[in-house]
Amino acid sequence: MSELDSPPVPAVLLADDPVATTLPTQLHQLRAAGHPVTITARGGHTLTGIHIDAVRRRHAVLTAGDRPPVLMPLAFIDTASAGPAAAALASVLGSGRW
């Protein structure tokens, strides 16, 4: 049985797992913003300039530049945040200096 054919996980189980609730929501928001993101993976590896193409229940599809997409399990992602360019733009727009 593939992941696509598997029955949905009950919400009670998802609520107890912070990776299953918080990280996918954050990745969806970053994907919708369309800006490059910085991902810190398990082991402290930092990936910058990453674009999030899709987010699924247990993995995300990530691309960097013109390289082919990579399927990364959510369990390997520690944190995800807006990249430096997006953070700088947000600080300028939020400060009223424009």
Protein backbone atom coordinates (compact mmCIF):
# COMPACT_ATOMS: atom_id res chain seq x y z
CA MET A 1 0.00 0.00 0.00
CA SER A 2 1.51 3.35 -0.98
CA GLU A 3 1.30 6.56 1.06
CA LEU A 4 -1.34 7.87 -1.34
CA ASP A 5 -3.53 4.81 -0.76
CA SER A 6 -3.14 4.80 3.02
CA PRO A 7 -6.07 5.89 5.17
CA PRO A 8 -5.94 9.40 6.64
CA VAL A 9 -4.25 9.83 10.00
CA PRO A 10 -6.73 10.71 12.77
CA ALA A 11 -6.52 14.34 13.90
CA VAL A 12 -5.93 13.20 17.48
CA LEU A 13 -2.65 11.58 16.45
CA LEU A 14 -1.60 14.59 14.37
CA ALA A 15 -2.26 16.98 17.26
CA ASP A 16 0.23 15.09 19.42
CA ASP A 17 2.98 15.27 16.80
CA PRO A 18 4.45 18.80 16.40
CA VAL A 19 6.19 17.82 13.15
CA ALA A 20 2.89 16.68 11.68
CA THR A 21 1.10 19.94 12.50
CA THR A 22 3.45 22.91 12.80
CA LEU A 23 6.10 22.26 10.15
CA PRO A 24 3.73 21.47 7.25
CA THR A 25 1.69 24.58 8.04
CA GLN A 26 4.83 26.70 8.07
CA LEU A 27 6.05 25.14 4.81
CA HIS A 28 2.67 25.79 3.16
CA GLN A 29 2.85 29.46 4.20
CA LEU A 30 6.41 29.83 2.91
CA ARG A 31 5.47 28.09 -0.36
CA ALA A 32 2.51 30.43 -0.82
CA ALA A 33 4.76 33.47 -0.28
CA GLY A 34 6.92 32.28 -3.17
CA HIS A 35 10.19 33.56 -1.73
CA PRO A 36 13.33 31.44 -1.39
CA VAL A 37 13.64 29.89 2.06
CA THR A 38 16.41 28.70 4.33
CA ILE A 39 16.02 25.19 5.68
CA THR A 40 18.01 23.74 8.54
CA ALA A 41 18.04 19.98 8.20
CA ARG A 42 18.80 17.28 10.71
CA GLY A 43 22.45 17.39 11.71
CA GLY A 44 22.64 21.18 11.36
CA HIS A 45 22.96 21.31 7.57
CA THR A 46 21.73 24.67 6.25
CA LEU A 47 20.18 24.88 2.80
CA THR A 48 19.66 28.40 1.43
CA GLY A 49 17.84 29.67 -1.65
CA ILE A 50 15.40 26.75 -1.60
CA HIS A 51 11.99 26.92 -3.26
CA ILE A 52 9.16 24.78 -1.90
CA ASP A 53 7.22 23.25 -4.77
CA ALA A 54 4.84 21.05 -2.77
CA VAL A 55 4.14 19.90 0.76
CA ARG A 56 2.59 16.53 1.51
CA ARG A 57 1.80 14.65 4.69
CA ARG A 58 5.30 13.25 5.21
CA HIS A 59 7.55 14.99 2.70
CA ALA A 60 8.18 18.20 0.77
CA VAL A 61 9.34 18.75 -2.80
CA LEU A 62 12.22 21.26 -2.83
CA THR A 63 14.22 22.86 -5.64
CA ALA A 64 17.34 24.98 -5.69
CA GLY A 65 17.99 27.08 -8.78
CA ASP A 66 17.82 25.07 -11.99
CA ARG A 67 18.50 21.72 -10.29
CA PRO A 68 15.91 18.94 -10.40
CA PRO A 69 13.40 18.72 -7.53
CA VAL A 70 14.29 16.77 -4.40
CA LEU A 71 11.85 14.84 -2.24
CA MET A 72 12.74 15.54 1.42
CA PRO A 73 11.04 13.78 4.34
CA LEU A 74 9.61 16.26 6.86
CA ALA A 75 11.35 14.32 9.62
CA PHE A 76 14.69 15.53 8.20
CA ILE A 77 13.71 19.23 8.42
CA ASP A 78 14.40 20.95 11.75
CA THR A 79 13.43 24.53 10.81
CA ALA A 80 12.33 26.53 7.79
CA SER A 81 12.37 30.31 7.50
CA ALA A 82 12.13 33.02 4.87
CA GLY A 83 15.45 33.52 3.11
CA PRO A 84 17.59 36.62 3.76
CA ALA A 85 16.18 38.54 0.77
CA ALA A 86 12.57 37.94 1.83
CA ALA A 87 13.37 38.83 5.45
CA ALA A 88 15.08 42.07 4.36
CA LEU A 89 12.12 43.00 2.14
CA ALA A 90 9.66 42.31 4.95
CA SER A 91 11.64 44.48 7.37
CA VAL A 92 11.72 47.38 4.90
CA LEU A 93 8.01 47.12 4.07
CA GLY A 94 7.07 46.72 7.72
CA SER A 95 9.13 49.72 8.84
CA GLY A 96 7.37 52.25 6.59
CA ARG A 97 10.74 53.38 5.13
CA TRP A 98 9.57 52.84 1.57
